[in-house]
């Protein structure tokens, strides 16, 4: 391809300038390959169809908005929203963009068995501005377990490649049929674990999730299936390509 500026001249003639095509990736659309691989689009970029609030029958009437192809958590006092479908073995991918000092998360295996109106329980892929939010330095037993990409309060993420605040990043959660789980950030695996293993249960025992309230509906994080939830923690965060 050729860029702007003066052309290099050959011995016979001046080389022609060929404009370079700019290809913009489709937003909130599946490619033919993704369709063939069995991906499902969970957000159409225009509506909240298919989504509802945690412990609710409908989408929250405030705190969220759809704008310019993005599902946006507005800055507020904090509540949460979850997808209505239930999943057992899956690969979940979402682009996210956080604001300065923001805290959010992707929860999975959310069952709502706690039967309450507040925050729904679930395993969490932490979304955080580590540099500005104090939660990055907090933990129950395991240092760093509340930083970006971590399994919240259970296991610290490693090899973080963060594009930065105000930039788009891609989070992926992979759950295999044998209960092996992986967190990925921007194409790099940042942690892995086995749900229900002794190591996992030891992590739970050392975390805030050891509290009986988190286990009243069954052992924390070990439900056979559950919802996927995007967390509203009171800070502005945008999601797309879900």
Protein backbone atom coordinates (compact mmCIF):
# COMPACT_ATOMS: atom_id res chain seq x y z
CA UNK A 1 0.00 0.00 0.00
CA UNK A 2 1.09 3.60 -0.40
CA UNK A 3 0.83 6.45 2.06
CA UNK A 4 0.86 10.22 1.54
CA UNK A 5 3.92 12.30 0.67
CA UNK A 6 6.18 12.35 -2.38
CA UNK A 7 6.53 9.21 -4.45
CA UNK A 8 9.79 7.38 -5.03
CA UNK A 9 10.72 7.78 -8.67
CA UNK A 10 11.81 4.80 -10.75
CA UNK A 11 14.06 5.02 -13.79
CA UNK A 12 11.05 4.89 -16.11
CA UNK A 13 8.09 6.57 -14.43
CA UNK A 14 6.66 7.86 -11.20
CA UNK A 15 5.01 5.15 -9.09
CA UNK A 16 1.25 5.51 -8.72
CA UNK A 17 -0.25 6.27 -5.33
CA UNK A 18 -2.75 3.58 -4.38
CA UNK A 19 -5.16 4.69 -1.61
CA UNK A 20 -5.16 2.39 1.40
CA UNK A 21 -8.56 1.06 2.37
CA UNK A 22 -9.53 1.70 5.99
CA UNK A 23 -11.41 -1.28 7.41
CA UNK A 24 -13.51 -0.57 10.50
CA UNK A 25 -14.40 -3.71 12.49
CA UNK A 26 -18.13 -4.30 12.78
CA UNK A 27 -19.42 -3.46 16.26
CA UNK A 28 -22.06 -5.61 17.97
CA UNK A 29 -22.22 -7.98 15.00
CA UNK A 30 -21.10 -11.57 14.57
CA UNK A 31 -18.81 -12.47 11.71
CA UNK A 32 -19.66 -15.42 9.50
CA UNK A 33 -16.89 -17.37 11.21
CA UNK A 34 -18.27 -16.59 14.67
CA UNK A 35 -21.74 -17.69 13.56
CA UNK A 36 -20.28 -20.95 12.24
CA UNK A 37 -18.46 -21.49 15.56
CA UNK A 38 -21.69 -21.16 17.53
CA UNK A 39 -21.30 -17.70 19.11
CA UNK A 40 -24.49 -15.87 20.18
CA UNK A 41 -24.75 -12.08 20.24
CA UNK A 42 -26.07 -11.00 23.66
CA UNK A 43 -26.30 -7.24 22.98
CA UNK A 44 -27.60 -5.82 19.70
CA UNK A 45 -26.12 -2.36 20.31
CA UNK A 46 -29.53 -0.70 20.21
CA UNK A 47 -31.76 -2.19 22.90
CA UNK A 48 -31.60 -4.04 26.22
CA UNK A 49 -33.45 -7.02 24.76
CA UNK A 50 -32.48 -10.24 26.55
CA UNK A 51 -31.24 -8.48 29.70
CA UNK A 52 -32.84 -7.89 33.09
CA UNK A 53 -31.82 -6.69 36.53
CA UNK A 54 -30.61 -9.04 39.24
CA UNK A 55 -33.58 -10.20 41.32
CA UNK A 56 -35.86 -8.38 38.85
CA UNK A 57 -38.16 -9.38 36.01
CA UNK A 58 -37.22 -6.42 33.81
CA UNK A 59 -34.23 -4.29 32.91
CA UNK A 60 -33.40 -1.59 35.52
CA UNK A 61 -35.38 1.58 34.86
CA UNK A 62 -32.42 3.79 35.77
CA UNK A 63 -28.64 3.55 36.08
CA UNK A 64 -28.04 2.08 32.61
CA UNK A 65 -28.38 3.40 29.06
CA UNK A 66 -27.72 2.36 25.48
CA UNK A 67 -25.88 4.96 23.42
CA UNK A 68 -23.73 4.80 20.28
CA UNK A 69 -23.72 1.01 20.29
CA UNK A 70 -22.61 0.77 23.91
CA UNK A 71 -24.33 -0.58 27.04
CA UNK A 72 -23.29 1.95 29.63
CA UNK A 73 -23.39 1.85 33.41
CA UNK A 74 -24.07 5.42 34.51
CA UNK A 75 -22.37 6.83 37.58
CA UNK A 76 -24.77 6.17 40.46
CA UNK A 77 -25.08 4.64 43.89
CA UNK A 78 -24.72 1.10 42.53
CA UNK A 79 -26.93 -1.88 41.66
CA UNK A 80 -26.51 -4.66 39.14
CA UNK A 81 -27.86 -6.16 35.93
CA UNK A 82 -27.70 -9.74 34.63
CA UNK A 83 -28.36 -11.61 31.41
CA UNK A 84 -31.46 -13.80 31.52
CA UNK A 85 -29.93 -16.97 30.06
CA UNK A 86 -28.17 -19.64 32.11
CA UNK A 87 -24.86 -21.19 31.09
CA UNK A 88 -22.76 -24.14 32.24
CA UNK A 89 -19.82 -24.55 29.82
CA UNK A 90 -19.23 -21.44 27.73
CA UNK A 91 -16.86 -18.81 26.39
CA UNK A 92 -17.97 -15.26 27.19
CA UNK A 93 -16.31 -12.30 25.48
CA UNK A 94 -16.97 -8.58 26.03
CA UNK A 95 -15.26 -5.30 25.21
CA UNK A 96 -15.19 -2.90 28.15
CA UNK A 97 -14.05 0.68 28.71
CA UNK A 98 -13.64 2.04 32.24
CA UNK A 99 -13.44 5.60 33.45
CA UNK A 100 -10.83 6.89 35.90
CA UNK A 101 -11.11 5.23 39.31
CA UNK A 102 -13.90 2.92 38.16
CA UNK A 103 -14.90 -0.42 39.68
CA UNK A 104 -17.04 -3.01 37.91
CA UNK A 105 -16.98 -6.70 37.11
CA UNK A 106 -18.27 -9.65 35.15
CA UNK A 107 -20.00 -12.20 37.36
CA UNK A 108 -20.78 -15.72 36.22
CA UNK A 109 -22.59 -18.72 37.69
CA UNK A 110 -25.00 -16.23 39.26
CA UNK A 111 -27.98 -18.24 40.53
CA UNK A 112 -29.88 -15.64 42.62
CA UNK A 113 -30.46 -18.37 45.20
CA UNK A 114 -29.67 -15.80 47.88
CA UNK A 115 -33.16 -14.36 47.31
CA UNK A 116 -32.30 -10.78 48.13
CA UNK A 117 -32.59 -7.40 46.45
CA UNK A 118 -28.95 -6.37 46.69
CA UNK A 119 -25.82 -7.55 44.91
CA UNK A 120 -26.19 -10.98 43.32
CA UNK A 121 -23.56 -13.56 44.26
CA UNK A 122 -21.24 -15.11 41.70
CA UNK A 123 -17.66 -15.70 40.62
CA UNK A 124 -16.24 -12.43 39.35
CA UNK A 125 -13.78 -11.29 36.71
CA UNK A 126 -12.71 -8.02 38.30
CA UNK A 127 -12.80 -4.83 36.21
CA UNK A 128 -10.90 -2.06 37.99
CA UNK A 129 -8.69 0.98 37.60
CA UNK A 130 -5.88 -0.49 39.70
CA UNK A 131 -3.99 2.79 39.80
CA UNK A 132 -6.83 4.87 41.22
CA UNK A 133 -9.32 2.59 42.98
CA UNK A 134 -8.48 1.54 46.57
CA UNK A 135 -9.93 -1.95 46.09
CA UNK A 136 -6.76 -2.89 44.20
CA UNK A 137 -4.87 -2.92 47.51
CA UNK A 138 -7.56 -4.72 49.52
CA UNK A 139 -8.02 -8.46 50.01
CA UNK A 140 -9.16 -10.97 52.63
CA UNK A 141 -6.27 -13.47 52.51
CA UNK A 142 -4.75 -13.42 49.01
CA UNK A 143 -2.81 -10.24 48.06
CA UNK A 144 -3.76 -8.74 44.70
CA UNK A 145 -6.93 -10.78 44.39
CA UNK A 146 -9.08 -7.69 43.78
CA UNK A 147 -7.03 -6.26 40.91
CA UNK A 148 -7.97 -6.10 37.22
CA UNK A 149 -8.60 -9.54 35.71
CA UNK A 150 -8.47 -11.33 39.05
CA UNK A 151 -10.97 -13.88 40.31
CA UNK A 152 -12.34 -11.46 42.85
CA UNK A 153 -10.96 -11.98 46.38
CA UNK A 154 -9.85 -15.50 45.42
CA UNK A 155 -6.96 -15.46 42.95
CA UNK A 156 -4.67 -12.74 41.58
CA UNK A 157 -4.29 -12.23 37.84
CA UNK A 158 -0.85 -12.24 36.18
CA UNK A 159 0.68 -10.88 32.94
CA UNK A 160 -1.79 -8.01 32.68
CA UNK A 161 -1.76 -6.13 29.37
CA UNK A 162 -4.17 -3.24 29.95
CA UNK A 163 -4.85 -0.76 27.15
CA UNK A 164 -5.64 1.92 29.71
CA UNK A 165 -8.49 3.93 31.19
CA UNK A 166 -10.76 5.33 28.49
CA UNK A 167 -9.62 2.71 25.97
CA UNK A 168 -11.38 -0.45 24.83
CA UNK A 169 -10.19 -3.73 26.34
CA UNK A 170 -11.48 -7.27 25.83
CA UNK A 171 -12.27 -9.64 28.70
CA UNK A 172 -12.90 -13.33 28.06
CA UNK A 173 -14.10 -16.00 30.51
CA UNK A 174 -13.73 -19.60 29.35
CA UNK A 175 -15.51 -22.36 31.27
CA UNK A 176 -14.89 -25.91 30.05
CA UNK A 177 -17.18 -28.94 30.63
CA UNK A 178 -14.66 -30.32 33.17
CA UNK A 179 -15.00 -27.11 35.28
CA UNK A 180 -11.61 -25.73 34.20
CA UNK A 181 -11.92 -21.93 34.06
CA UNK A 182 -9.69 -19.30 32.44
CA UNK A 183 -9.66 -15.50 32.53
CA UNK A 184 -8.23 -13.71 29.49
CA UNK A 185 -7.51 -10.00 29.01
CA UNK A 186 -6.66 -8.56 25.60
CA UNK A 187 -5.67 -11.94 24.21
CA UNK A 188 -3.50 -13.00 27.16
CA UNK A 189 -4.48 -15.64 29.73
CA UNK A 190 -4.19 -14.04 33.16
CA UNK A 191 -5.33 -16.91 35.43
CA UNK A 192 -6.88 -20.36 35.51
CA UNK A 193 -8.45 -22.63 38.12
CA UNK A 194 -10.71 -25.65 38.57
CA UNK A 195 -14.15 -25.08 40.04
CA UNK A 196 -14.89 -27.50 42.86
CA UNK A 197 -11.28 -28.67 43.28
CA UNK A 198 -9.56 -28.76 46.67
CA UNK A 199 -7.46 -25.75 45.64
CA UNK A 200 -10.60 -23.82 44.71
CA UNK A 201 -12.37 -24.70 47.96
CA UNK A 202 -9.28 -23.64 49.92
CA UNK A 203 -9.40 -20.28 48.11
CA UNK A 204 -13.05 -19.89 49.06
CA UNK A 205 -12.28 -20.72 52.70
CA UNK A 206 -9.73 -17.90 52.76
CA UNK A 207 -12.01 -15.36 51.11
CA UNK A 208 -15.05 -13.31 52.06
CA UNK A 209 -17.12 -16.04 50.39
CA UNK A 210 -16.48 -18.37 53.33
CA UNK A 211 -19.29 -16.54 55.13
CA UNK A 212 -22.35 -18.82 55.44
CA UNK A 213 -24.53 -16.30 53.64
CA UNK A 214 -22.64 -16.96 50.39
CA UNK A 215 -23.19 -20.71 50.72
CA UNK A 216 -26.81 -20.89 51.82
CA UNK A 217 -27.94 -21.82 48.31
CA UNK A 218 -25.10 -24.32 47.76
CA UNK A 219 -21.30 -24.26 47.81
CA UNK A 220 -20.13 -20.87 46.53
CA UNK A 221 -19.09 -20.88 42.88
CA UNK A 222 -20.01 -24.52 42.27
CA UNK A 223 -23.49 -24.24 40.75
CA UNK A 224 -23.91 -26.42 37.63
CA UNK A 225 -25.23 -23.45 35.66
CA UNK A 226 -25.98 -19.78 36.15
CA UNK A 227 -26.47 -16.32 34.70
CA UNK A 228 -23.82 -13.91 33.44
CA UNK A 229 -23.96 -10.48 35.08
CA UNK A 230 -22.42 -7.10 34.26
CA UNK A 231 -21.89 -5.23 37.49
CA UNK A 232 -23.01 -1.71 38.25
CA UNK A 233 -20.77 -0.61 41.11
CA UNK A 234 -21.73 3.05 40.86
CA UNK A 235 -18.99 4.00 38.36
CA UNK A 236 -19.32 4.72 34.65
CA UNK A 237 -18.28 1.75 32.51
CA UNK A 238 -19.18 0.94 28.89
CA UNK A 239 -19.63 -2.50 27.30
CA UNK A 240 -19.99 -3.64 23.68
CA UNK A 241 -19.46 -6.72 21.48
CA UNK A 242 -20.97 -8.97 24.13
